[in-house]
Protein backbone atom coordinates (compact mmCIF):
# COMPACT_ATOMS: atom_id res chain seq x y z
CA MET A 1 0.00 0.00 0.00
CA THR A 2 1.16 3.55 -0.64
CA ASP A 3 3.02 5.21 2.23
CA LEU A 4 1.61 8.57 1.18
CA LYS A 5 0.77 10.62 4.26
CA ILE A 6 -1.30 13.65 3.43
CA ASN A 7 -2.96 16.46 5.26
CA ASP A 8 -5.16 18.99 3.53
CA ASN A 9 -2.35 21.50 3.01
CA GLU A 10 -0.11 19.01 1.23
CA PHE A 11 -2.47 18.72 -1.76
CA ALA A 12 -1.94 22.33 -2.73
CA GLY A 13 0.10 22.53 -5.90
CA LYS A 14 0.06 18.77 -6.50
CA THR A 15 -1.09 17.24 -9.77
CA VAL A 16 -3.53 14.34 -9.40
CA ALA A 17 -4.70 11.85 -12.01
CA LEU A 18 -7.91 9.95 -11.33
CA ILE A 19 -7.82 6.90 -13.58
CA GLY A 20 -11.43 6.00 -14.36
CA ALA A 21 -14.52 8.10 -13.73
CA GLY A 22 -16.28 5.41 -11.75
CA VAL A 23 -18.08 5.31 -8.41
CA SER A 24 -14.94 5.33 -6.27
CA ASN A 25 -13.15 8.18 -8.05
CA MET A 26 -15.91 10.68 -8.80
CA PRO A 27 -16.23 12.01 -5.19
CA LEU A 28 -12.48 12.63 -5.26
CA VAL A 29 -12.79 15.30 -7.97
CA PRO A 30 -14.19 18.04 -5.69
CA PHE A 31 -12.23 16.60 -2.75
CA PHE A 32 -8.83 17.17 -4.40
CA VAL A 33 -9.79 20.36 -6.27
CA SER A 34 -11.02 22.02 -3.07
CA ARG A 35 -7.64 21.28 -1.48
CA GLY A 36 -5.65 23.06 -4.16
CA ALA A 37 -4.68 20.16 -6.43
CA ALA A 38 -4.71 20.27 -10.21
CA VAL A 39 -6.91 17.30 -11.09
CA THR A 40 -7.12 15.37 -14.36
CA VAL A 41 -9.69 12.64 -14.83
CA ARG A 42 -8.63 10.01 -17.37
CA ASP A 43 -11.21 7.54 -18.67
CA SER A 44 -11.15 4.98 -21.48
CA LYS A 45 -14.68 5.88 -22.58
CA SER A 46 -15.21 8.61 -25.14
CA ARG A 47 -16.59 11.93 -24.00
CA GLU A 48 -19.86 11.10 -25.75
CA LYS A 49 -20.23 7.79 -23.92
CA MET A 50 -19.52 9.46 -20.60
CA GLY A 51 -22.56 11.70 -21.11
CA GLU A 52 -23.37 14.18 -18.34
CA LYS A 53 -20.49 12.88 -16.23
CA ALA A 54 -17.99 14.58 -18.56
CA ALA A 55 -19.55 18.00 -18.01
CA ALA A 56 -19.80 17.41 -14.26
CA ILE A 57 -16.06 16.68 -14.07
CA GLU A 58 -15.17 19.95 -15.77
CA GLU A 59 -17.74 21.93 -13.80
CA ASN A 60 -15.98 20.74 -10.64
CA GLY A 61 -12.72 22.24 -11.88
CA ALA A 62 -10.96 19.15 -13.27
CA ARG A 63 -9.54 18.46 -16.71
CA LEU A 64 -10.85 15.47 -18.68
CA ILE A 65 -8.88 13.18 -20.99
CA ALA A 66 -11.27 10.64 -22.52
CA GLY A 67 -11.18 7.83 -25.06
CA ASP A 68 -8.22 6.34 -26.92
CA GLY A 69 -4.89 7.38 -25.50
CA TYR A 70 -6.36 8.40 -22.15
CA LEU A 71 -3.20 7.21 -20.36
CA GLY A 72 -0.84 9.11 -22.63
CA GLY A 73 1.56 11.50 -20.88
CA LEU A 74 0.81 10.12 -17.43
CA THR A 75 3.13 12.22 -15.26
CA GLU A 76 0.93 13.44 -12.39
CA ASP A 77 2.36 13.50 -8.87
CA ILE A 78 -0.42 11.26 -7.50
CA ILE A 79 -2.17 8.60 -9.61
CA VAL A 80 -5.40 7.15 -8.20
CA ARG A 81 -6.40 4.02 -10.11
CA SER A 82 -9.90 2.58 -10.24
CA PRO A 83 -10.01 -0.93 -8.74
CA GLY A 84 -10.75 -2.61 -12.08
CA ILE A 85 -7.48 -1.40 -13.65
CA ARG A 86 -4.49 -3.60 -12.88
CA PRO A 87 -1.73 -1.87 -10.91
CA ASP A 88 1.05 -3.38 -13.04
CA ILE A 89 0.21 -1.99 -16.48
CA PRO A 90 3.19 -0.40 -18.32
CA GLU A 91 1.83 3.15 -18.11
CA PHE A 92 1.71 2.96 -14.31
CA ALA A 93 5.14 1.37 -14.08
CA SER A 94 6.65 4.11 -16.23
CA ALA A 95 5.02 6.89 -14.21
CA VAL A 96 6.13 5.38 -10.88
CA SER A 97 9.72 5.03 -12.15
CA ASN A 98 9.63 8.77 -12.87
CA GLY A 99 8.47 9.65 -9.35
CA SER A 100 4.68 9.39 -9.43
CA ILE A 101 2.86 7.81 -6.48
CA LEU A 102 0.36 5.10 -7.48
CA THR A 103 -2.52 4.58 -5.07
CA SER A 104 -6.29 4.07 -4.94
CA GLU A 105 -9.30 5.57 -3.21
CA MET A 106 -9.40 2.75 -0.65
CA GLU A 107 -5.65 2.87 0.01
CA LEU A 108 -5.87 6.61 0.68
CA PHE A 109 -8.78 6.05 3.05
CA LEU A 110 -7.03 3.29 4.96
CA SER A 111 -3.88 5.42 5.25
CA HIS A 112 -5.67 8.36 6.80
CA ALA A 113 -8.85 7.29 8.58
CA LYS A 114 -8.71 7.54 12.36
CA CYS A 115 -11.64 5.16 12.85
CA ARG A 116 -11.43 1.43 13.47
CA VAL A 117 -11.84 -0.51 10.23
CA TYR A 118 -13.47 -3.94 9.89
CA ALA A 119 -12.75 -5.52 6.49
CA VAL A 120 -14.56 -8.25 4.55
CA THR A 121 -13.56 -10.07 1.38
CA GLY A 122 -14.43 -13.38 -0.29
CA SER A 123 -15.79 -14.81 -3.51
CA ASP A 124 -19.38 -14.97 -2.25
CA GLY A 125 -21.38 -13.40 0.53
CA LYS A 126 -19.14 -10.42 1.21
CA SER A 127 -21.74 -7.71 0.46
CA THR A 128 -24.37 -9.16 2.78
CA THR A 129 -21.77 -9.88 5.46
CA THR A 130 -20.35 -6.35 5.27
CA THR A 131 -23.80 -4.75 5.39
CA VAL A 132 -24.89 -6.85 8.38
CA LEU A 133 -21.57 -6.07 10.07
CA SER A 134 -22.10 -2.32 9.57
CA LYS A 135 -25.52 -2.59 11.23
CA LEU A 136 -24.05 -4.51 14.16
CA LEU A 137 -21.48 -1.73 14.59
CA GLU A 138 -24.15 0.98 14.80
CA GLY A 139 -25.25 2.51 18.07
CA GLY A 140 -21.87 2.92 19.75
CA VAL A 141 -20.24 6.15 20.92
CA GLY A 142 -19.35 7.14 17.36
CA LYS A 143 -20.79 6.66 13.89
CA ALA A 144 -20.74 3.50 11.76
CA TYR A 145 -19.78 3.74 8.08
CA LEU A 146 -20.31 1.29 5.22
CA GLY A 147 -18.16 1.47 2.10
CA GLY A 148 -15.45 0.04 -0.09
CA ASN A 149 -16.69 -2.22 -2.84
CA ILE A 150 -20.25 -1.64 -1.60
CA GLY A 151 -22.10 1.47 -0.52
CA SER A 152 -20.27 4.78 -0.83
CA PRO A 153 -16.59 5.63 -1.34
CA LEU A 154 -15.05 6.66 1.96
CA CYS A 155 -11.83 8.54 1.23
CA HIS A 156 -13.50 11.93 0.89
CA LEU A 157 -15.18 11.37 4.27
CA TYR A 158 -12.11 10.56 6.36
CA PRO A 159 -11.58 14.18 7.58
CA GLU A 160 -14.87 13.96 9.50
CA MET A 161 -14.14 10.59 11.14
CA THR A 162 -12.95 10.18 14.73
CA GLU A 163 -11.32 7.44 16.78
CA ASN A 164 -14.75 6.54 18.17
CA ASP A 165 -16.14 5.74 14.70
CA ARG A 166 -16.15 2.36 13.00
CA ALA A 167 -16.16 1.47 9.30
CA ALA A 168 -17.19 -1.82 7.69
CA VAL A 169 -15.53 -2.10 4.29
CA GLU A 170 -16.01 -4.67 1.56
CA LEU A 171 -12.78 -5.26 -0.34
CA SER A 172 -12.52 -6.95 -3.73
CA SER A 173 -9.45 -8.84 -4.91
CA PHE A 174 -8.85 -5.92 -7.31
CA GLN A 175 -8.58 -3.51 -4.37
CA LEU A 176 -6.55 -5.89 -2.21
CA MET A 177 -3.82 -6.33 -4.83
CA THR A 178 -1.96 -3.33 -3.36
CA ILE A 179 -3.43 -2.96 0.14
CA ASP A 180 -1.39 -3.53 3.30
CA ALA A 181 -3.43 -2.12 6.17
CA GLU A 182 -4.26 -2.78 9.81
CA PHE A 183 -7.81 -4.01 10.47
CA GLU A 184 -9.69 -4.44 13.72
CA ALA A 185 -11.06 -7.66 12.20
CA ALA A 186 -10.63 -9.21 8.75
CA VAL A 187 -13.15 -11.64 7.26
CA VAL A 188 -12.66 -14.01 4.32
CA THR A 189 -16.07 -15.55 3.63
CA ASN A 190 -14.78 -18.15 1.14
CA VAL A 191 -12.56 -18.39 -1.93
CA THR A 192 -13.70 -20.11 -5.15
CA PRO A 193 -12.70 -19.50 -8.79
CA ASN A 194 -13.63 -15.96 -9.85
CA HIS A 195 -12.30 -13.06 -11.93
CA LEU A 196 -9.87 -15.35 -13.73
CA ASN A 197 -10.14 -13.12 -16.81
CA TRP A 198 -8.49 -10.32 -14.77
CA HIS A 199 -6.09 -12.19 -12.48
CA THR A 200 -3.20 -14.17 -13.90
CA GLY A 201 -4.65 -17.28 -12.27
CA MET A 202 -5.99 -18.73 -9.02
CA ASP A 203 -2.66 -18.28 -7.23
CA GLU A 204 -2.76 -14.51 -7.73
CA TYR A 205 -6.46 -14.37 -6.86
CA ILE A 206 -5.91 -16.26 -3.58
CA ALA A 207 -2.84 -14.17 -2.73
CA ALA A 208 -4.84 -10.97 -3.21
CA LYS A 209 -7.57 -12.19 -0.87
CA GLU A 210 -5.05 -13.28 1.75
CA ARG A 211 -3.50 -9.80 1.91
CA ILE A 212 -6.44 -8.77 4.09
CA LEU A 213 -4.96 -10.86 6.93
CA ARG A 214 -1.44 -9.38 6.88
CA ARG A 215 -1.97 -6.92 9.74
CA ALA A 216 -5.37 -7.94 11.05
CA LYS A 217 -5.86 -7.98 14.81
CA ARG A 218 -8.39 -10.81 14.41
CA ALA A 219 -9.26 -13.09 11.51
CA VAL A 220 -12.69 -14.57 10.73
CA LEU A 221 -12.43 -17.52 8.34
CA ASN A 222 -14.66 -20.18 6.81
CA ALA A 223 -13.85 -23.62 8.22
CA GLY A 224 -15.76 -25.25 5.38
CA ASN A 225 -13.63 -23.79 2.57
CA GLU A 226 -10.34 -25.44 1.67
CA VAL A 227 -8.61 -22.20 0.68
CA THR A 228 -9.57 -20.27 3.81
CA ARG A 229 -8.55 -23.23 6.00
CA GLY A 230 -5.09 -22.91 4.48
CA MET A 231 -5.10 -19.18 5.23
CA GLY A 232 -5.93 -19.91 8.85
CA GLU A 233 -2.99 -22.27 9.18
CA ARG A 234 -0.68 -19.48 8.02
CA CYS A 235 -2.39 -16.72 10.00
CA SER A 236 -0.45 -15.18 12.91
CA CYS A 237 -3.41 -13.49 14.63
CA PRO A 238 -6.28 -15.17 16.55
CA VAL A 239 -8.86 -16.82 14.27
CA THR A 240 -12.59 -17.23 14.71
CA TRP A 241 -13.73 -20.10 12.50
CA PHE A 242 -17.31 -20.16 11.25
CA SER A 243 -19.21 -23.06 9.72
CA ARG A 244 -22.68 -24.48 9.18
CA ASP A 245 -21.22 -27.78 10.48
CA PRO A 246 -19.76 -28.54 13.94
CA ILE A 247 -16.16 -27.36 14.44
CA ASP A 248 -13.70 -29.76 16.08
CA ASP A 249 -11.97 -28.24 19.07
CA ALA A 250 -8.71 -29.75 17.80
CA ILE A 251 -8.42 -27.22 14.95
CA LEU A 252 -8.55 -24.30 17.40
CA ARG A 253 -5.24 -22.88 18.58
CA GLU A 254 -4.89 -21.04 21.87
CA GLY A 255 -6.78 -17.77 21.48
CA ASP A 256 -8.93 -19.09 18.62
CA SER A 257 -12.71 -19.44 18.76
CA ALA A 258 -15.56 -20.95 16.77
CA ILE A 259 -19.07 -19.96 15.72
CA CYS A 260 -21.29 -22.58 14.12
CA LEU A 261 -24.73 -24.16 13.98
CA ASP A 262 -26.01 -26.40 16.75
CA GLY A 263 -29.44 -27.58 15.71
CA GLY A 264 -31.45 -24.45 15.03
CA MET A 265 -29.12 -22.15 16.93
CA ILE A 266 -25.94 -20.25 16.12
CA VAL A 267 -23.53 -20.81 18.99
CA MET A 268 -20.10 -19.42 19.80
CA ARG A 269 -17.31 -20.82 21.94
CA ASP A 270 -13.65 -20.39 22.80
CA LYS A 271 -11.22 -23.31 22.67
CA GLY A 272 -12.01 -25.81 25.41
CA LYS A 273 -15.13 -23.95 26.53
CA LYS A 274 -18.84 -24.73 26.30
CA PRO A 275 -20.82 -23.14 23.44
CA VAL A 276 -22.90 -20.04 24.15
CA PRO A 277 -26.17 -19.52 22.22
CA VAL A 278 -26.05 -16.36 20.07
CA LEU A 279 -28.93 -16.36 17.56
CA ALA A 280 -31.76 -18.67 16.54
CA LEU A 281 -31.92 -19.44 12.83
CA SER A 282 -35.64 -18.71 12.97
CA ASP A 283 -34.77 -15.09 13.87
CA ILE A 284 -32.93 -14.53 10.57
CA LEU A 285 -35.21 -12.90 8.02
CA LEU A 286 -32.95 -13.77 5.06
CA PRO A 287 -33.43 -17.30 3.68
CA GLY A 288 -30.76 -19.93 3.18
CA LEU A 289 -27.89 -21.48 5.10
CA HIS A 290 -25.47 -19.26 3.18
CA ASN A 291 -27.07 -16.28 4.92
CA ALA A 292 -26.67 -18.04 8.27
CA GLU A 293 -22.96 -18.24 7.44
CA ASN A 294 -22.96 -14.53 6.55
CA TYR A 295 -24.43 -13.77 9.97
CA MET A 296 -21.86 -15.95 11.71
CA ALA A 297 -19.04 -14.10 9.97
CA ALA A 298 -20.50 -10.67 10.75
CA ILE A 299 -21.18 -11.54 14.40
CA ALA A 300 -17.65 -12.87 14.85
CA ALA A 301 -16.15 -9.76 13.24
CA ALA A 302 -18.23 -7.35 15.32
CA GLY A 303 -17.07 -9.01 18.54
CA ASP A 304 -17.93 -7.02 21.67
CA ALA A 305 -19.49 -4.22 19.60
CA ALA A 306 -22.73 -6.22 19.27
CA ASP A 307 -24.70 -7.81 22.08
CA ALA A 308 -27.36 -10.51 21.73
CA GLY A 309 -30.22 -8.00 21.63
CA LYS A 310 -28.70 -5.99 18.81
CA ILE A 311 -27.86 -9.16 16.85
CA ARG A 312 -31.43 -10.42 17.15
CA LYS A 313 -32.91 -7.07 16.14
CA VAL A 314 -30.76 -6.80 13.01
CA ALA A 315 -31.39 -10.43 12.02
CA SER A 316 -35.16 -10.17 12.37
CA THR A 317 -35.53 -6.85 10.51
CA PHE A 318 -32.82 -6.67 7.81
CA PRO A 319 -34.49 -7.49 4.46
CA GLY A 320 -31.27 -7.99 2.52
CA VAL A 321 -29.13 -6.04 0.09
CA GLU A 322 -30.61 -5.02 -3.25
CA HIS A 323 -29.96 -7.50 -6.10
CA ARG A 324 -29.26 -10.37 -3.67
CA LEU A 325 -32.17 -12.83 -3.81
CA GLU A 326 -34.43 -9.76 -3.75
CA PHE A 327 -38.15 -10.47 -4.02
CA VAL A 328 -39.56 -8.24 -6.78
CA ARG A 329 -43.23 -9.16 -7.13
CA GLU A 330 -45.76 -11.94 -7.68
CA LYS A 331 -47.65 -11.81 -10.97
CA ASP A 332 -50.24 -14.38 -12.07
CA GLY A 333 -49.04 -16.74 -9.34
CA VAL A 334 -45.36 -16.50 -10.41
CA ARG A 335 -42.83 -15.06 -7.95
CA TYR A 336 -39.86 -13.10 -9.32
CA TYR A 337 -36.50 -12.81 -7.53
CA ASN A 338 -33.58 -10.57 -8.49
CA GLY A 339 -30.15 -12.10 -7.84
CA SER A 340 -28.15 -9.99 -10.27
CA ILE A 341 -25.19 -10.00 -7.84
CA ASP A 342 -24.82 -13.74 -8.51
CA SER A 343 -21.80 -13.46 -10.80
CA SER A 344 -20.31 -16.92 -10.20
CA PRO A 345 -21.58 -20.52 -10.15
CA THR A 346 -21.18 -20.74 -6.36
CA ARG A 347 -23.45 -17.70 -5.88
CA THR A 348 -26.10 -19.25 -8.12
CA ASP A 349 -25.75 -22.54 -6.25
CA ALA A 350 -26.41 -20.73 -2.96
CA ALA A 351 -29.41 -18.85 -4.36
CA LEU A 352 -30.98 -22.03 -5.75
CA SER A 353 -30.32 -23.84 -2.48
CA ALA A 354 -32.04 -21.09 -0.50
CA LEU A 355 -35.15 -21.09 -2.72
CA CYS A 356 -35.36 -24.87 -2.85
CA VAL A 357 -35.30 -25.09 0.94
CA THR A 358 -37.58 -22.16 1.79
CA ALA A 359 -39.99 -21.71 -1.12
CA ARG A 360 -40.31 -25.27 -2.46
CA ARG A 361 -41.64 -23.99 -5.79
CA PRO A 362 -40.49 -25.01 -9.31
CA ILE A 363 -37.80 -22.61 -10.55
CA THR A 364 -36.98 -21.07 -13.93
CA VAL A 365 -33.46 -19.61 -13.67
CA ILE A 366 -32.00 -16.99 -16.03
CA LEU A 367 -28.30 -17.63 -16.69
CA GLY A 368 -25.49 -16.06 -18.70
CA GLY A 369 -23.46 -12.90 -19.11
CA TYR A 370 -19.86 -11.72 -19.32
CA ASP A 371 -17.15 -14.39 -19.49
CA LYS A 372 -14.72 -14.40 -16.53
CA ASN A 373 -13.12 -17.69 -17.64
CA ILE A 374 -14.80 -19.58 -14.81
CA PRO A 375 -15.63 -23.28 -15.38
CA PHE A 376 -19.37 -23.98 -15.58
CA ALA A 377 -19.39 -27.67 -14.66
CA PRO A 378 -20.26 -26.78 -11.03
CA LEU A 379 -23.12 -24.63 -12.31
CA ALA A 380 -24.50 -27.57 -14.28
CA ASP A 381 -24.36 -29.69 -11.13
CA ALA A 382 -26.21 -26.99 -9.17
CA VAL A 383 -28.94 -26.62 -11.80
CA LEU A 384 -29.50 -30.23 -12.87
CA GLY A 385 -28.95 -31.69 -9.40
CA ARG A 386 -32.06 -29.95 -8.05
CA ASP A 387 -35.39 -31.36 -9.13
CA LEU A 388 -37.12 -28.05 -8.45
CA VAL A 389 -35.07 -26.31 -11.16
CA ARG A 390 -37.35 -26.99 -14.13
CA ARG A 391 -35.96 -24.54 -16.72
CA ALA A 392 -32.85 -22.56 -17.56
CA VAL A 393 -32.98 -19.60 -19.95
CA LEU A 394 -29.56 -18.76 -21.40
CA ASN A 395 -28.39 -15.44 -22.83
CA GLY A 396 -25.25 -13.33 -23.09
CA ALA A 397 -21.64 -14.04 -24.00
CA THR A 398 -21.45 -17.24 -21.94
CA ALA A 399 -24.64 -18.84 -23.26
CA ASP A 400 -22.76 -21.34 -25.42
CA ALA A 401 -20.36 -22.33 -22.63
CA ILE A 402 -23.19 -22.85 -20.14
CA ASP A 403 -25.20 -24.76 -22.76
CA LYS A 404 -22.26 -27.12 -23.28
CA ALA A 405 -21.71 -27.62 -19.53
CA LEU A 406 -25.37 -28.51 -19.06
CA ARG A 407 -25.45 -30.91 -22.01
CA ASP A 408 -22.22 -32.58 -20.88
CA ASN A 409 -23.65 -33.25 -17.43
CA PRO A 410 -24.75 -36.90 -16.92
CA LEU A 411 -28.16 -35.76 -15.62
CA PHE A 412 -29.07 -33.66 -18.64
CA LYS A 413 -30.40 -36.35 -21.02
CA LYS A 414 -32.34 -38.08 -18.27
CA ARG A 415 -34.03 -34.91 -17.06
CA VAL A 416 -34.88 -33.70 -20.55
CA ALA A 417 -36.21 -37.14 -21.48
CA ASP A 418 -38.53 -37.38 -18.48
CA GLY A 419 -39.76 -33.81 -19.02
CA SER A 420 -38.44 -32.45 -15.71
CA PHE A 421 -36.03 -29.94 -17.29
CA GLU A 422 -36.16 -27.59 -20.25
CA LEU A 423 -33.27 -25.61 -21.76
CA LEU A 424 -34.20 -22.35 -23.49
CA ARG A 425 -32.18 -19.65 -25.30
CA ALA A 426 -32.79 -15.93 -25.83
CA PRO A 427 -30.77 -13.47 -27.95
CA SER A 428 -30.81 -10.66 -25.38
CA PHE A 429 -31.29 -10.06 -21.68
CA ASP A 430 -34.73 -8.47 -22.11
CA GLU A 431 -35.91 -11.39 -24.20
CA ALA A 432 -34.51 -13.85 -21.66
CA VAL A 433 -36.66 -12.29 -18.92
CA LEU A 434 -39.74 -12.36 -21.15
CA THR A 435 -39.02 -15.96 -22.19
CA ALA A 436 -38.74 -17.00 -18.54
CA SER A 437 -41.98 -15.22 -17.70
CA GLN A 438 -43.86 -16.88 -20.55
CA ALA A 439 -42.52 -20.34 -19.64
CA ALA A 440 -43.21 -20.16 -15.89
CA GLU A 441 -46.59 -21.29 -14.62
CA SER A 442 -48.66 -20.23 -11.62
CA GLY A 443 -47.13 -21.53 -8.41
CA GLU A 444 -43.57 -21.29 -9.79
CA THR A 445 -40.61 -18.93 -9.41
CA VAL A 446 -38.47 -16.99 -11.89
CA LEU A 447 -34.97 -16.30 -10.57
CA LEU A 448 -32.37 -14.02 -12.14
CA SER A 449 -29.11 -15.61 -10.99
CA PRO A 450 -26.76 -15.32 -13.98
CA ALA A 451 -23.62 -17.00 -12.55
CA CYS A 452 -21.73 -14.44 -14.64
CA ALA A 453 -20.74 -10.78 -14.55
CA SER A 454 -22.84 -8.24 -16.45
CA PHE A 455 -20.32 -6.40 -18.61
CA ASP A 456 -21.33 -7.96 -21.93
CA GLN A 457 -24.66 -6.11 -21.84
CA PHE A 458 -24.59 -3.74 -18.84
CA GLU A 459 -22.36 -1.29 -17.00
CA ASN A 460 -22.56 -3.34 -13.80
CA PHE A 461 -24.72 -5.87 -11.94
CA GLU A 462 -26.80 -3.07 -10.41
CA GLU A 463 -27.88 -1.88 -13.84
CA ARG A 464 -28.72 -5.46 -14.83
CA GLY A 465 -30.78 -5.97 -11.69
CA LYS A 466 -32.65 -2.71 -12.13
CA ARG A 467 -33.46 -3.64 -15.73
CA PHE A 468 -34.79 -7.01 -14.56
CA LYS A 469 -37.06 -5.28 -12.06
CA GLU A 470 -38.28 -2.79 -14.68
CA ILE A 471 -39.27 -5.61 -17.03
CA VAL A 472 -40.91 -7.67 -14.28
CA ARG A 473 -42.90 -4.73 -12.93
CA GLY A 474 -44.06 -3.94 -16.44
CA LEU A 475 -45.45 -7.42 -17.12
């Protein structure tokens, strides 16, 4: 992580390049300009494609370089990269060799914030876990903030934060590539193949996730995930293991603890001690065992900041994060759920599992999107291995790859032959939603859970989810 130490006066006269006009960088335009810096926003999109954002940048006193060649002449004193841009591209390396400082919005925040920071990463479940954690941190002496890869950027807010405040931050592998920060608690929900189109491979992806533990005071890790178990073995700080299954006392070192399910109750215990009941599963409004795991991770991370009453109140009232198994409406007896965040097979597996356990209604699932070079054999197992999944509607750049994975699965021919599964295709996202709606019958469910990112047809998963809801509400 950058060792840049800045107070407001030190920005005066500096040149700053914001690489990418995305969510994390846009609040930094007025932040840096108001502190006397000469700001240039550089974005790969053309000015026309940026729309009103281009004018807003210039109205705030920054210069804009847009489109082809946007990284040309990169010589600014401070370069703030968007998370989706790799830190090792030649333009950055050249600028750094000439004296520029390469950083990011989150690195700047972590370098300067006085508040205690609780960090969450993982392949699945990190947004729900981080949001629940932020709610558990509320109500103390200071304020609780939610940000990072979810919610709002935080760097421009650090001047108002105090030592009594707490921040729950979701960190992606993209952000963690260059982060080396101290955290009050660091959570890794799980690690499964993801973003392999961006990372050089699984080794780099895992190493990025593990950076969150470097200077953590406490670690919260998934005992049921092979990769996070390995992280725990290498971890130098105390670990709280979480799992939907019982946790053997033998895996706990001195100072470690465990939180897991015991019948219908989440219980917590220290090594060699008796378990203490924390939360009944029946108190959790969100469906699915994966959400029980999210609560375990958040509770463990919050530690003494959350008592049993606060935990129960949050669990029984929190309806979930938008685009995460979000109920949209029921129309003509068909229920529609928006899981646009489900950008990997493991996310789709969890969503299907939750609906199969709680709703017990036949499911039509909408699959497909941007290709992250993730294998789809596990997705085929998740879809075809559940009798309640009656149809899959494929669209997007990965439609052919998912089609092949389904057809190669040993269950495919049997299920098609006995009429318990139907495979449908649609040329566009809108038509996929309409196709699913027309195929589903009263008493069934339509689930958007693409198992893929959205970038082939949308700016991000939020835009995809909002479009799904628009179509469904217009039926």
